[in-house]
Each structure stands twice: as structure tokens, then as C-alpha cells.
């Protein structure tokens, strides 16, 4: 329509810029719907806004592809766990700030039917609001959703280099998990990795230069 303002489209087409507060990370307590107690983690986002990843006290790491995020919730939109022991383990920050205001629920899935949930609780309401808004913005960014095929490889590389094992190394298990779809493929990938210096649980020093 003539004279229509393109402001909304300009905002949506802006490239992702991840603030330092998210790349450096924040302390959270994580739980999911099967948890009986919260797990303290350091939560971060890579500089390209590809993955949300976290490390627990045992240096074990896990991640979530941000493109799979369907919604982020905080405040009145979240559901506080009913289990007393779990709820007590989530106590962080000022006690006069309601738990729901310090909590983020990340809704994710490969489609709009089979949804999963992971929850994070931080010390400050402002931190929860920033993370919830930033993650949602990355997940619906049109440039990211319509990026070229090479972005997929770049995203894989980010996962391999950021999501490490407890020894701080890229593991064969992580690589095989994201490349091979069945048992035969896994064996082929494992043999190929071993041929270039990979072994289960550790990584060749040359990988970081690929």
C-alpha cells in the first residue's frame, strides 16, 4: 500500500547481535518437567545467536538449537513447580522478588505439536526479562530462519567447539550424535574421525584449525 511504513520489516530483517551479557553468561538454576531438584548452571549464547548452551558444576554441558525455540515465558506466563523440594532448590536472589519473575521457561520443538520445556531461574527479574526477550528475538529472526546452507555447517562447528566434555575437549560422541542418523552411519563417522586423529572422549588438536 502506498505510503505504508516499512519499520516492522526493517526490524525483523536486522541481523542478530548478541549482547555481551549473554555471550559471557549468567548463573541460573535449571530444571525440566522430570527434575526433582534444580541444577546450578552457567547459561550462555554463542556470538552468532545459534545455540543456547549451559555447563553444570560437574563441567557437563548441554545445548539447545535456538531455531527450535517456539516461545519464551517469564513472570505470570510461567508455572511454578508444585514439588516443595524442587521449589526450595530454586531459591536464588532476593527472597522478596517472586520466583516467577526470576524464572524463564523456554518452549521448544521441531513442530508446533510436540513441545518440550526447560526452565531457568536467575537472581534478578531484569536478567530473566532480558534473556527471555533476546532468545525469542533470535528464534524468530527472518534473516536467521532463511540463511544459506553454509550456515548449517557453521552452526555445527559452533556446537562442536562450544559444547565440550568434562575434560574441556570436543568429544566424538557429540560429533557423531549430530552427523549420523543410524547405527551404520555412526560406525562410518567414528572410523572417519579416528582416521584423522579423533578418539572416543578426546579430540585431535588439529580440529580447531579446520
N, C-alpha and C. Protein backbone atom coordinates (compact mmCIF):
# COMPACT_ATOMS: atom_id res chain seq x y z
N UNK A 1 0.84 -1.19 0.00
CA UNK A 1 0.00 0.00 0.00
C UNK A 1 0.88 1.24 0.00
N UNK A 2 0.58 2.21 -0.81
CA UNK A 2 1.39 3.42 -0.92
C UNK A 2 1.44 4.15 0.41
N UNK A 3 2.62 4.58 0.75
CA UNK A 3 2.80 5.34 1.97
C UNK A 3 2.92 4.49 3.22
N UNK A 4 2.84 3.17 3.09
CA UNK A 4 2.97 2.29 4.25
C UNK A 4 4.38 2.36 4.80
N UNK A 5 4.50 2.39 6.11
CA UNK A 5 5.82 2.46 6.74
C UNK A 5 6.41 1.06 6.88
N UNK A 6 7.66 0.87 6.42
CA UNK A 6 8.28 -0.47 6.47
C UNK A 6 9.03 -0.74 7.76
N UNK A 7 8.74 0.01 8.82
CA UNK A 7 9.51 -0.09 10.06
C UNK A 7 9.55 -1.49 10.64
N UNK A 8 8.40 -2.19 10.66
CA UNK A 8 8.35 -3.53 11.23
C UNK A 8 9.26 -4.47 10.47
N UNK A 9 9.21 -4.40 9.15
CA UNK A 9 10.03 -5.29 8.33
C UNK A 9 11.51 -5.00 8.51
N UNK A 10 11.86 -3.74 8.68
CA UNK A 10 13.26 -3.39 8.89
C UNK A 10 13.78 -3.97 10.18
N UNK A 11 12.96 -3.94 11.21
CA UNK A 11 13.37 -4.52 12.49
C UNK A 11 13.55 -6.02 12.36
N UNK A 12 12.62 -6.69 11.70
CA UNK A 12 12.66 -8.14 11.57
C UNK A 12 13.87 -8.60 10.75
N UNK A 13 14.31 -7.77 9.80
CA UNK A 13 15.39 -8.17 8.92
C UNK A 13 16.77 -7.74 9.42
N UNK A 14 16.83 -7.20 10.61
CA UNK A 14 18.12 -6.84 11.17
C UNK A 14 18.89 -8.10 11.56
N UNK A 15 20.19 -8.17 11.29
CA UNK A 15 20.97 -9.34 11.69
C UNK A 15 21.02 -9.46 13.21
N UNK A 16 21.23 -10.67 13.69
CA UNK A 16 21.30 -10.92 15.13
C UNK A 16 22.57 -10.31 15.71
N UNK A 17 22.40 -9.57 16.79
CA UNK A 17 23.53 -9.04 17.55
C UNK A 17 23.36 -9.48 18.99
N UNK A 18 24.23 -10.36 19.46
CA UNK A 18 24.11 -10.91 20.81
C UNK A 18 24.88 -10.02 21.78
N UNK A 19 24.21 -9.48 22.81
CA UNK A 19 24.90 -8.63 23.78
C UNK A 19 25.90 -9.42 24.62
N UNK A 20 26.87 -8.71 25.15
CA UNK A 20 27.94 -9.34 25.94
C UNK A 20 27.40 -10.06 27.16
N UNK A 21 26.30 -9.57 27.71
CA UNK A 21 25.74 -10.22 28.89
C UNK A 21 25.34 -11.67 28.61
N UNK A 22 24.96 -11.96 27.37
CA UNK A 22 24.56 -13.32 27.02
C UNK A 22 25.74 -14.17 26.57
N UNK A 23 26.73 -13.58 25.90
CA UNK A 23 27.90 -14.37 25.48
C UNK A 23 28.79 -14.72 26.67
N UNK A 24 28.87 -13.81 27.64
CA UNK A 24 29.65 -14.10 28.85
C UNK A 24 28.87 -15.01 29.79
N UNK A 25 27.53 -14.90 29.75
CA UNK A 25 26.68 -15.81 30.50
C UNK A 25 26.27 -15.30 31.87
N UNK A 26 25.27 -15.97 32.42
CA UNK A 26 24.76 -15.69 33.76
C UNK A 26 24.56 -16.99 34.52
N UNK A 27 24.53 -16.87 35.83
CA UNK A 27 24.25 -18.02 36.68
C UNK A 27 22.75 -18.25 36.77
N UNK A 28 22.35 -19.49 36.53
CA UNK A 28 20.95 -19.88 36.61
C UNK A 28 20.83 -21.20 37.36
N UNK A 29 19.63 -21.53 37.75
CA UNK A 29 19.32 -22.87 38.24
C UNK A 29 18.35 -23.47 37.23
N UNK A 30 18.74 -24.60 36.65
CA UNK A 30 17.97 -25.22 35.58
C UNK A 30 17.16 -26.41 36.09
N UNK A 31 15.97 -26.58 35.52
CA UNK A 31 15.19 -27.80 35.79
C UNK A 31 14.26 -28.03 34.62
N UNK A 32 13.79 -29.27 34.50
CA UNK A 32 12.78 -29.59 33.50
C UNK A 32 11.63 -30.30 34.18
N UNK A 33 10.70 -30.80 33.39
CA UNK A 33 9.49 -31.37 33.97
C UNK A 33 9.73 -32.70 34.67
N UNK A 34 10.92 -33.30 34.50
CA UNK A 34 11.25 -34.55 35.18
C UNK A 34 12.19 -34.35 36.37
N UNK A 35 12.56 -33.11 36.65
CA UNK A 35 13.53 -32.83 37.71
C UNK A 35 12.91 -32.96 39.09
N UNK A 36 13.74 -33.41 40.03
CA UNK A 36 13.33 -33.45 41.44
C UNK A 36 14.09 -32.38 42.23
N UNK A 37 15.14 -31.82 41.61
CA UNK A 37 15.93 -30.77 42.23
C UNK A 37 16.57 -29.93 41.12
N UNK A 38 16.74 -28.64 41.37
CA UNK A 38 17.35 -27.77 40.37
C UNK A 38 18.85 -27.96 40.27
N UNK A 39 19.40 -27.69 39.10
CA UNK A 39 20.83 -27.83 38.85
C UNK A 39 21.45 -26.47 38.55
N UNK A 40 22.42 -26.01 39.37
CA UNK A 40 23.09 -24.74 39.07
C UNK A 40 23.89 -24.85 37.77
N UNK A 41 23.72 -23.88 36.88
CA UNK A 41 24.43 -23.89 35.60
C UNK A 41 24.86 -22.47 35.25
N UNK A 42 25.83 -22.40 34.35
CA UNK A 42 26.17 -21.13 33.71
C UNK A 42 25.58 -21.18 32.31
N UNK A 43 24.71 -20.25 32.00
CA UNK A 43 23.97 -20.24 30.74
C UNK A 43 24.57 -19.20 29.80
N UNK A 44 24.80 -19.60 28.53
CA UNK A 44 25.40 -18.69 27.56
C UNK A 44 24.74 -18.85 26.19
N UNK A 45 24.98 -17.85 25.32
CA UNK A 45 24.60 -17.91 23.92
C UNK A 45 25.85 -17.62 23.11
N UNK A 46 26.06 -18.36 22.02
CA UNK A 46 27.23 -18.08 21.18
C UNK A 46 27.06 -16.74 20.49
N UNK A 47 28.15 -16.19 19.99
CA UNK A 47 28.15 -14.82 19.46
C UNK A 47 27.28 -14.65 18.21
N UNK A 48 26.95 -15.75 17.53
CA UNK A 48 26.10 -15.67 16.34
C UNK A 48 24.61 -15.89 16.65
N UNK A 49 24.30 -16.23 17.89
CA UNK A 49 22.90 -16.49 18.24
C UNK A 49 22.40 -17.82 17.71
N UNK A 50 23.31 -18.79 17.53
CA UNK A 50 22.93 -20.11 17.02
C UNK A 50 22.42 -21.03 18.13
N UNK A 51 23.16 -21.06 19.25
CA UNK A 51 22.85 -22.07 20.27
C UNK A 51 22.80 -21.45 21.67
N UNK A 52 21.93 -21.99 22.48
CA UNK A 52 21.84 -21.72 23.90
C UNK A 52 22.51 -22.91 24.58
N UNK A 53 23.54 -22.67 25.37
CA UNK A 53 24.25 -23.80 25.97
C UNK A 53 24.58 -23.51 27.43
N UNK A 54 24.74 -24.58 28.21
CA UNK A 54 24.97 -24.42 29.64
C UNK A 54 25.90 -25.49 30.18
N UNK A 55 26.62 -25.12 31.25
CA UNK A 55 27.57 -26.02 31.91
C UNK A 55 27.19 -26.12 33.38
N UNK A 56 27.14 -27.36 33.91
CA UNK A 56 26.80 -27.53 35.32
C UNK A 56 28.06 -27.57 36.18
N UNK A 57 27.90 -27.85 37.46
CA UNK A 57 29.02 -27.84 38.39
C UNK A 57 30.02 -28.95 38.13
N UNK A 58 29.59 -29.99 37.42
CA UNK A 58 30.49 -31.10 37.08
C UNK A 58 31.13 -30.90 35.71
N UNK A 59 30.96 -29.71 35.16
CA UNK A 59 31.51 -29.32 33.85
C UNK A 59 30.86 -30.08 32.69
N UNK A 60 29.72 -30.73 32.96
CA UNK A 60 28.96 -31.35 31.89
C UNK A 60 28.19 -30.28 31.15
N UNK A 61 28.12 -30.40 29.83
CA UNK A 61 27.49 -29.36 29.03
C UNK A 61 26.33 -29.91 28.21
N UNK A 62 25.38 -29.05 27.95
CA UNK A 62 24.24 -29.39 27.10
C UNK A 62 23.86 -28.13 26.33
N UNK A 63 23.02 -28.29 25.31
CA UNK A 63 22.68 -27.14 24.49
C UNK A 63 21.30 -27.29 23.88
N UNK A 64 20.82 -26.18 23.32
CA UNK A 64 19.56 -26.15 22.60
C UNK A 64 19.74 -25.27 21.37
N UNK A 65 19.37 -25.80 20.22
CA UNK A 65 19.41 -25.03 18.99
C UNK A 65 18.34 -23.93 19.08
N UNK A 66 18.74 -22.68 19.01
CA UNK A 66 17.81 -21.57 19.20
C UNK A 66 16.72 -21.55 18.13
N UNK A 67 17.01 -22.09 16.94
CA UNK A 67 16.00 -22.11 15.88
C UNK A 67 14.81 -23.00 16.24
N UNK A 68 14.98 -23.88 17.24
CA UNK A 68 13.89 -24.76 17.67
C UNK A 68 12.99 -24.11 18.72
N UNK A 69 13.39 -22.95 19.23
CA UNK A 69 12.60 -22.28 20.27
C UNK A 69 11.31 -21.71 19.66
N UNK A 70 10.19 -22.07 20.27
CA UNK A 70 8.88 -21.60 19.82
C UNK A 70 8.34 -20.47 20.68
N UNK A 71 8.80 -20.41 21.93
CA UNK A 71 8.31 -19.37 22.82
C UNK A 71 9.23 -19.28 24.03
N UNK A 72 9.27 -18.08 24.64
CA UNK A 72 9.94 -17.90 25.93
C UNK A 72 8.97 -17.19 26.85
N UNK A 73 8.97 -17.60 28.12
CA UNK A 73 7.99 -17.07 29.05
C UNK A 73 8.66 -16.67 30.36
N UNK A 74 8.14 -15.63 30.98
CA UNK A 74 8.60 -15.21 32.30
C UNK A 74 7.46 -14.51 33.01
N UNK A 75 7.62 -14.29 34.30
CA UNK A 75 6.55 -13.62 35.06
C UNK A 75 5.29 -14.46 35.16
N UNK A 76 4.16 -13.84 34.92
CA UNK A 76 2.86 -14.51 35.09
C UNK A 76 2.64 -15.63 34.07
N UNK A 77 3.49 -15.71 33.04
CA UNK A 77 3.31 -16.73 31.99
C UNK A 77 3.90 -18.09 32.39
N UNK A 78 4.72 -18.15 33.43
CA UNK A 78 5.36 -19.41 33.80
C UNK A 78 4.56 -20.13 34.87
N UNK A 79 4.83 -21.43 34.99
CA UNK A 79 4.18 -22.25 36.00
C UNK A 79 5.22 -22.63 37.06
N UNK A 80 4.95 -22.25 38.29
CA UNK A 80 5.85 -22.57 39.39
C UNK A 80 5.71 -24.06 39.75
N UNK A 81 6.82 -24.79 39.93
CA UNK A 81 6.71 -26.21 40.29
C UNK A 81 6.00 -26.39 41.63
N UNK A 82 5.20 -27.44 41.71
CA UNK A 82 4.45 -27.71 42.93
C UNK A 82 5.26 -28.49 43.96
N UNK A 83 6.24 -29.27 43.49
CA UNK A 83 7.06 -30.06 44.40
C UNK A 83 7.85 -29.14 45.34
N UNK A 84 7.68 -29.35 46.64
CA UNK A 84 8.29 -28.46 47.63
C UNK A 84 9.81 -28.50 47.59
N UNK A 85 10.37 -29.70 47.48
CA UNK A 85 11.83 -29.86 47.45
C UNK A 85 12.42 -29.18 46.23
N UNK A 86 11.80 -29.37 45.08
CA UNK A 86 12.28 -28.73 43.85
C UNK A 86 12.18 -27.22 43.97
N UNK A 87 11.05 -26.74 44.47
CA UNK A 87 10.84 -25.30 44.60
C UNK A 87 11.88 -24.68 45.52
N UNK A 88 12.22 -25.35 46.61
CA UNK A 88 13.22 -24.84 47.55
C UNK A 88 14.60 -24.76 46.90
N UNK A 89 14.90 -25.70 46.01
CA UNK A 89 16.22 -25.71 45.36
C UNK A 89 16.37 -24.58 44.34
N UNK A 90 15.29 -23.89 44.05
CA UNK A 90 15.31 -22.81 43.06
C UNK A 90 15.45 -21.44 43.70
N UNK A 91 15.62 -21.41 45.02
CA UNK A 91 15.72 -20.14 45.73
C UNK A 91 17.06 -19.47 45.42
N UNK A 92 17.03 -18.36 44.72
CA UNK A 92 18.22 -17.62 44.35
C UNK A 92 17.85 -16.14 44.27
N UNK A 93 18.77 -15.27 44.64
CA UNK A 93 18.49 -13.84 44.60
C UNK A 93 17.64 -13.41 45.79
N UNK A 94 17.06 -12.23 45.68
CA UNK A 94 16.27 -11.66 46.77
C UNK A 94 14.97 -12.43 46.96
N UNK A 95 14.69 -12.76 48.22
CA UNK A 95 13.51 -13.54 48.54
C UNK A 95 12.21 -12.74 48.39
N UNK A 96 12.31 -11.40 48.36
CA UNK A 96 11.09 -10.60 48.22
C UNK A 96 10.67 -10.43 46.77
N UNK A 97 11.45 -10.99 45.84
CA UNK A 97 11.08 -10.98 44.42
C UNK A 97 10.43 -12.33 44.11
N UNK A 98 9.19 -12.36 43.60
CA UNK A 98 8.50 -13.62 43.33
C UNK A 98 9.32 -14.52 42.41
N UNK A 99 9.27 -15.81 42.65
CA UNK A 99 10.04 -16.78 41.87
C UNK A 99 9.71 -16.68 40.38
N UNK A 100 8.44 -16.49 40.05
CA UNK A 100 8.05 -16.44 38.64
C UNK A 100 8.68 -15.26 37.89
N UNK A 101 9.02 -14.18 38.63
CA UNK A 101 9.64 -13.02 37.98
C UNK A 101 11.13 -13.25 37.70
N UNK A 102 11.71 -14.27 38.33
CA UNK A 102 13.13 -14.59 38.11
C UNK A 102 13.29 -15.84 37.25
N UNK A 103 12.20 -16.32 36.72
CA UNK A 103 12.19 -17.60 36.01
C UNK A 103 11.90 -17.42 34.52
N UNK A 104 12.58 -18.23 33.70
CA UNK A 104 12.34 -18.26 32.26
C UNK A 104 11.95 -19.68 31.88
N UNK A 105 10.90 -19.83 31.11
CA UNK A 105 10.54 -21.11 30.52
C UNK A 105 10.79 -21.02 29.02
N UNK A 106 11.60 -21.94 28.52
CA UNK A 106 11.90 -21.99 27.08
C UNK A 106 11.11 -23.15 26.49
N UNK A 107 10.23 -22.83 25.55
CA UNK A 107 9.40 -23.84 24.87
C UNK A 107 10.04 -24.14 23.52
N UNK A 108 10.30 -25.42 23.25
CA UNK A 108 10.99 -25.74 22.00
C UNK A 108 10.48 -27.06 21.41
N UNK A 109 10.78 -27.27 20.14
CA UNK A 109 10.36 -28.49 19.47
C UNK A 109 10.57 -28.36 17.97
N UNK A 110 10.50 -29.49 17.28
CA UNK A 110 10.68 -29.49 15.82
C UNK A 110 9.40 -29.10 15.09
N UNK A 111 8.27 -29.10 15.83
CA UNK A 111 7.00 -28.67 15.25
C UNK A 111 6.16 -28.04 16.36
N UNK A 112 4.95 -27.62 16.03
CA UNK A 112 4.09 -26.93 17.00
C UNK A 112 3.24 -27.89 17.83
N UNK A 113 3.43 -29.18 17.64
CA UNK A 113 2.63 -30.17 18.37
C UNK A 113 3.43 -30.82 19.49
N UNK A 114 4.64 -31.29 19.16
CA UNK A 114 5.47 -32.00 20.14
C UNK A 114 6.42 -31.02 20.83
N UNK A 115 5.90 -30.35 21.84
CA UNK A 115 6.66 -29.34 22.55
C UNK A 115 7.35 -29.90 23.79
N UNK A 116 8.54 -29.35 24.08
CA UNK A 116 9.24 -29.67 25.32
C UNK A 116 9.56 -28.36 26.03
N UNK A 117 9.88 -28.48 27.33
CA UNK A 117 10.09 -27.30 28.14
C UNK A 117 11.35 -27.45 28.98
N UNK A 118 12.11 -26.37 29.08
CA UNK A 118 13.24 -26.32 30.00
C UNK A 118 13.14 -24.98 30.72
N UNK A 119 13.45 -24.99 32.02
CA UNK A 119 13.23 -23.82 32.85
C UNK A 119 14.54 -23.36 33.49
N UNK A 120 14.70 -22.06 33.61
CA UNK A 120 15.89 -21.48 34.21
C UNK A 120 15.46 -20.39 35.20
N UNK A 121 16.10 -20.39 36.37
CA UNK A 121 15.81 -19.38 37.38
C UNK A 121 17.10 -18.62 37.68
N UNK A 122 17.03 -17.29 37.67
CA UNK A 122 18.20 -16.46 37.94
C UNK A 122 17.96 -15.60 39.18
N UNK A 123 18.90 -14.71 39.48
CA UNK A 123 18.82 -13.94 40.72
C UNK A 123 18.01 -12.65 40.57
N UNK A 124 17.83 -12.17 39.34
CA UNK A 124 17.20 -10.87 39.15
C UNK A 124 16.11 -10.91 38.08
N UNK A 125 15.05 -10.17 38.31
CA UNK A 125 13.95 -10.10 37.37
C UNK A 125 14.40 -9.51 36.04
N UNK A 126 15.26 -8.49 36.08
CA UNK A 126 15.73 -7.84 34.87
C UNK A 126 16.52 -8.81 33.98
N UNK A 127 17.30 -9.69 34.62
CA UNK A 127 18.06 -10.69 33.87
C UNK A 127 17.13 -11.66 33.16
N UNK A 128 16.10 -12.12 33.87
CA UNK A 128 15.13 -13.04 33.27
C UNK A 128 14.43 -12.39 32.08
N UNK A 129 14.06 -11.14 32.23
CA UNK A 129 13.37 -10.44 31.15
C UNK A 129 14.26 -10.27 29.93
N UNK A 130 15.53 -9.94 30.16
CA UNK A 130 16.46 -9.76 29.04
C UNK A 130 16.67 -11.07 28.28
N UNK A 131 16.92 -12.15 29.01
CA UNK A 131 17.16 -13.44 28.35
C UNK A 131 15.91 -13.92 27.60
N UNK A 132 14.76 -13.78 28.21
CA UNK A 132 13.52 -14.23 27.56
C UNK A 132 13.30 -13.47 26.25
N UNK A 133 13.49 -12.15 26.27
CA UNK A 133 13.26 -11.34 25.08
C UNK A 133 14.30 -11.60 24.01
N UNK A 134 15.57 -11.67 24.39
CA UNK A 134 16.65 -11.88 23.43
C UNK A 134 16.50 -13.24 22.73
N UNK A 135 16.26 -14.29 23.49
CA UNK A 135 16.13 -15.63 22.90
C UNK A 135 14.97 -15.70 21.93
N UNK A 136 13.85 -15.08 22.30
CA UNK A 136 12.69 -15.08 21.40
C UNK A 136 12.99 -14.30 20.13
N UNK A 137 13.68 -13.18 20.26
CA UNK A 137 14.05 -12.38 19.09
C UNK A 137 14.93 -13.18 18.13
N UNK A 138 15.90 -13.94 18.66
CA UNK A 138 16.79 -14.73 17.80
C UNK A 138 16.01 -15.83 17.08
N UNK A 139 15.07 -16.44 17.78
CA UNK A 139 14.36 -17.59 17.23
C UNK A 139 13.41 -17.22 16.10
N UNK A 140 12.97 -15.95 16.06
CA UNK A 140 12.03 -15.53 15.01
C UNK A 140 12.69 -14.59 13.99
N UNK A 141 13.99 -14.40 14.11
CA UNK A 141 14.70 -13.51 13.19
C UNK A 141 14.64 -14.07 11.77
N UNK A 142 14.08 -13.29 10.83
CA UNK A 142 13.86 -13.78 9.47
C UNK A 142 15.16 -14.04 8.73
N UNK A 143 16.18 -13.25 8.98
CA UNK A 143 17.46 -13.49 8.31
C UNK A 143 18.06 -14.82 8.76
N UNK A 144 17.95 -15.11 10.05
CA UNK A 144 18.48 -16.38 10.58
C UNK A 144 17.67 -17.57 10.06
N UNK A 145 16.34 -17.41 10.00
CA UNK A 145 15.48 -18.51 9.56
C UNK A 145 15.63 -18.81 8.07
N UNK A 146 16.09 -17.83 7.29
CA UNK A 146 16.23 -18.01 5.85
C UNK A 146 17.70 -17.90 5.40
N UNK A 147 18.60 -18.31 6.27
CA UNK A 147 20.02 -18.23 5.96
C UNK A 147 20.43 -19.33 4.97
N UNK A 148 21.62 -19.20 4.42
CA UNK A 148 22.09 -20.15 3.40
C UNK A 148 22.50 -21.48 4.03
N UNK A 149 22.73 -22.47 3.16
CA UNK A 149 23.07 -23.82 3.63
C UNK A 149 24.38 -23.84 4.41
N UNK A 150 25.30 -22.95 4.08
CA UNK A 150 26.58 -22.92 4.79
C UNK A 150 26.41 -22.57 6.26
N UNK A 151 25.31 -21.88 6.58
CA UNK A 151 25.05 -21.54 7.98
C UNK A 151 24.87 -22.79 8.82
N UNK A 152 24.29 -23.83 8.23
CA UNK A 152 24.10 -25.10 8.95
C UNK A 152 25.45 -25.68 9.37
N UNK A 153 26.43 -25.63 8.47
CA UNK A 153 27.76 -26.13 8.79
C UNK A 153 28.42 -25.26 9.86
N UNK A 154 28.21 -23.96 9.75
CA UNK A 154 28.77 -23.04 10.73
C UNK A 154 28.16 -23.31 12.10
N UNK A 155 26.87 -23.64 12.12
CA UNK A 155 26.19 -23.94 13.38
C UNK A 155 26.73 -25.23 14.00
N UNK A 156 26.96 -26.24 13.16
CA UNK A 156 27.55 -27.48 13.65
C UNK A 156 28.93 -27.24 14.26
N UNK A 157 29.73 -26.44 13.56
CA UNK A 157 31.07 -26.13 14.04
C UNK A 157 31.00 -25.43 15.40
N UNK A 158 30.02 -24.53 15.56
CA UNK A 158 29.85 -23.84 16.84
C UNK A 158 29.50 -24.82 17.94
N UNK A 159 28.62 -25.78 17.64
CA UNK A 159 28.25 -26.78 18.65
C UNK A 159 29.46 -27.60 19.07
N UNK A 160 30.26 -28.04 18.10
CA UNK A 160 31.40 -28.89 18.40
C UNK A 160 32.45 -28.16 19.24
N UNK A 161 32.62 -26.87 19.00
CA UNK A 161 33.65 -26.11 19.69
C UNK A 161 33.21 -25.53 21.02
N UNK A 162 31.90 -25.37 21.22
CA UNK A 162 31.40 -24.78 22.45
C UNK A 162 30.88 -25.80 23.44
N UNK A 163 30.25 -26.86 22.94
CA UNK A 163 29.68 -27.88 23.82
C UNK A 163 30.72 -28.98 23.99
N UNK A 164 31.49 -28.89 25.08
CA UNK A 164 32.63 -29.77 25.30
C UNK A 164 32.31 -30.82 26.37
N UNK A 165 33.19 -31.81 26.48
CA UNK A 165 33.01 -32.81 27.53
C UNK A 165 33.59 -32.28 28.84
N UNK A 166 33.56 -33.09 29.89
CA UNK A 166 34.01 -32.65 31.21
C UNK A 166 35.49 -32.30 31.23
N UNK A 167 36.26 -32.81 30.26
CA UNK A 167 37.69 -32.51 30.17
C UNK A 167 37.96 -31.26 29.36
N UNK A 168 36.89 -30.63 28.88
CA UNK A 168 37.06 -29.41 28.11
C UNK A 168 37.46 -29.66 26.68
N UNK A 169 37.16 -30.86 26.15
CA UNK A 169 37.53 -31.22 24.78
C UNK A 169 36.29 -31.56 23.96
N UNK A 170 36.42 -31.40 22.66
CA UNK A 170 35.35 -31.82 21.76
C UNK A 170 35.31 -33.35 21.76
N UNK A 171 34.15 -33.93 21.97
CA UNK A 171 34.06 -35.38 22.05
C UNK A 171 33.50 -35.99 20.76
N UNK A 172 33.93 -37.21 20.48
CA UNK A 172 33.41 -37.94 19.34
C UNK A 172 31.92 -38.16 19.48
N UNK A 173 31.46 -38.40 20.70
CA UNK A 173 30.04 -38.66 20.96
C UNK A 173 29.18 -37.51 20.46
N UNK A 174 29.61 -36.29 20.73
CA UNK A 174 28.86 -35.11 20.32
C UNK A 174 28.81 -34.97 18.81
N UNK A 175 29.93 -35.24 18.16
CA UNK A 175 30.00 -35.12 16.71
C UNK A 175 29.12 -36.17 16.04
N UNK A 176 29.28 -37.40 16.47
CA UNK A 176 28.51 -38.50 15.88
C UNK A 176 27.01 -38.28 16.06
N UNK A 177 26.63 -37.76 17.22
CA UNK A 177 25.21 -37.53 17.53
C UNK A 177 24.54 -36.61 16.51
N UNK A 178 25.29 -35.65 15.98
CA UNK A 178 24.69 -34.66 15.10
C UNK A 178 24.95 -34.91 13.63
N UNK A 179 25.74 -35.92 13.31
CA UNK A 179 26.02 -36.21 11.91
C UNK A 179 25.37 -37.52 11.47
N UNK A 180 25.43 -38.53 12.32
CA UNK A 180 24.93 -39.86 11.95
C UNK A 180 23.50 -40.06 12.40
N UNK A 181 22.67 -40.63 11.55
CA UNK A 181 21.26 -40.83 11.87
C UNK A 181 20.92 -42.26 12.27
N UNK A 182 21.83 -43.22 12.01
CA UNK A 182 21.57 -44.60 12.39
C UNK A 182 22.88 -45.29 12.77
N UNK A 183 22.77 -46.55 13.17
CA UNK A 183 23.94 -47.27 13.70
C UNK A 183 25.05 -47.42 12.67
N UNK A 184 24.68 -47.77 11.44
CA UNK A 184 25.69 -47.95 10.39
C UNK A 184 26.41 -46.65 10.09
N UNK A 185 25.64 -45.56 10.05
CA UNK A 185 26.25 -44.25 9.80
C UNK A 185 27.19 -43.86 10.93
N UNK A 186 26.80 -44.18 12.17
CA UNK A 186 27.64 -43.85 13.32
C UNK A 186 29.00 -44.54 13.22
N UNK A 187 28.98 -45.82 12.81
CA UNK A 187 30.24 -46.55 12.68
C UNK A 187 31.13 -45.92 11.61
N UNK A 188 30.52 -45.51 10.52
CA UNK A 188 31.29 -44.89 9.43
C UNK A 188 31.91 -43.57 9.89
N UNK A 189 31.11 -42.79 10.61
CA UNK A 189 31.61 -41.50 11.09
C UNK A 189 32.72 -41.70 12.11
N UNK A 190 32.55 -42.67 13.02
CA UNK A 190 33.58 -42.94 14.02
C UNK A 190 34.90 -43.36 13.37
N UNK A 191 34.82 -44.21 12.35
CA UNK A 191 36.03 -44.65 11.65
C UNK A 191 36.70 -43.48 10.94
N UNK A 192 35.89 -42.62 10.33
CA UNK A 192 36.45 -41.46 9.63
C UNK A 192 37.13 -40.51 10.61
N UNK A 193 36.52 -40.30 11.78
CA UNK A 193 37.11 -39.42 12.78
C UNK A 193 38.40 -39.99 13.34
N UNK A 194 38.41 -41.30 13.59
CA UNK A 194 39.62 -41.94 14.10
C UNK A 194 40.76 -41.86 13.09
N UNK A 195 40.40 -41.89 11.82
CA UNK A 195 41.41 -41.82 10.76
C UNK A 195 42.13 -40.48 10.73
N UNK A 196 41.44 -39.42 11.23
CA UNK A 196 42.08 -38.10 11.24
C UNK A 196 42.52 -37.67 12.63
N UNK A 197 42.55 -38.63 13.57
CA UNK A 197 43.12 -38.33 14.87
C UNK A 197 42.17 -38.23 16.03
N UNK A 198 40.86 -38.46 15.80
CA UNK A 198 39.90 -38.44 16.88
C UNK A 198 39.85 -39.80 17.55
N UNK A 199 39.58 -39.77 18.86
CA UNK A 199 39.32 -40.99 19.61
C UNK A 199 38.20 -40.68 20.58
N UNK A 200 37.50 -41.70 21.02
CA UNK A 200 36.36 -41.50 21.91
C UNK A 200 36.77 -40.69 23.13
N UNK A 201 36.04 -39.59 23.37
CA UNK A 201 36.27 -38.78 24.55
C UNK A 201 37.32 -37.71 24.39
N UNK A 202 38.03 -37.66 23.26
CA UNK A 202 39.02 -36.61 23.10
C UNK A 202 39.11 -36.19 21.64
N UNK A 203 39.85 -35.14 21.39
CA UNK A 203 39.86 -34.56 20.07
C UNK A 203 41.28 -34.27 19.64
N UNK A 204 41.55 -34.43 18.36
CA UNK A 204 42.84 -34.05 17.81
C UNK A 204 42.99 -32.55 17.88
N UNK A 205 44.18 -32.07 18.17
CA UNK A 205 44.41 -30.64 18.28
C UNK A 205 44.22 -29.94 16.95
N UNK A 206 44.24 -30.68 15.85
CA UNK A 206 44.10 -30.05 14.54
C UNK A 206 42.66 -29.65 14.25
N UNK A 207 41.70 -30.18 15.03
CA UNK A 207 40.29 -29.90 14.74
C UNK A 207 39.98 -28.41 14.81
N UNK A 208 40.55 -27.74 15.79
CA UNK A 208 40.22 -26.33 15.99
C UNK A 208 40.73 -25.47 14.86
N UNK A 209 41.54 -26.02 13.97
CA UNK A 209 42.06 -25.26 12.85
C UNK A 209 41.38 -25.60 11.53
N UNK A 210 40.37 -26.50 11.61
CA UNK A 210 39.69 -26.88 10.36
C UNK A 210 38.84 -25.73 9.86
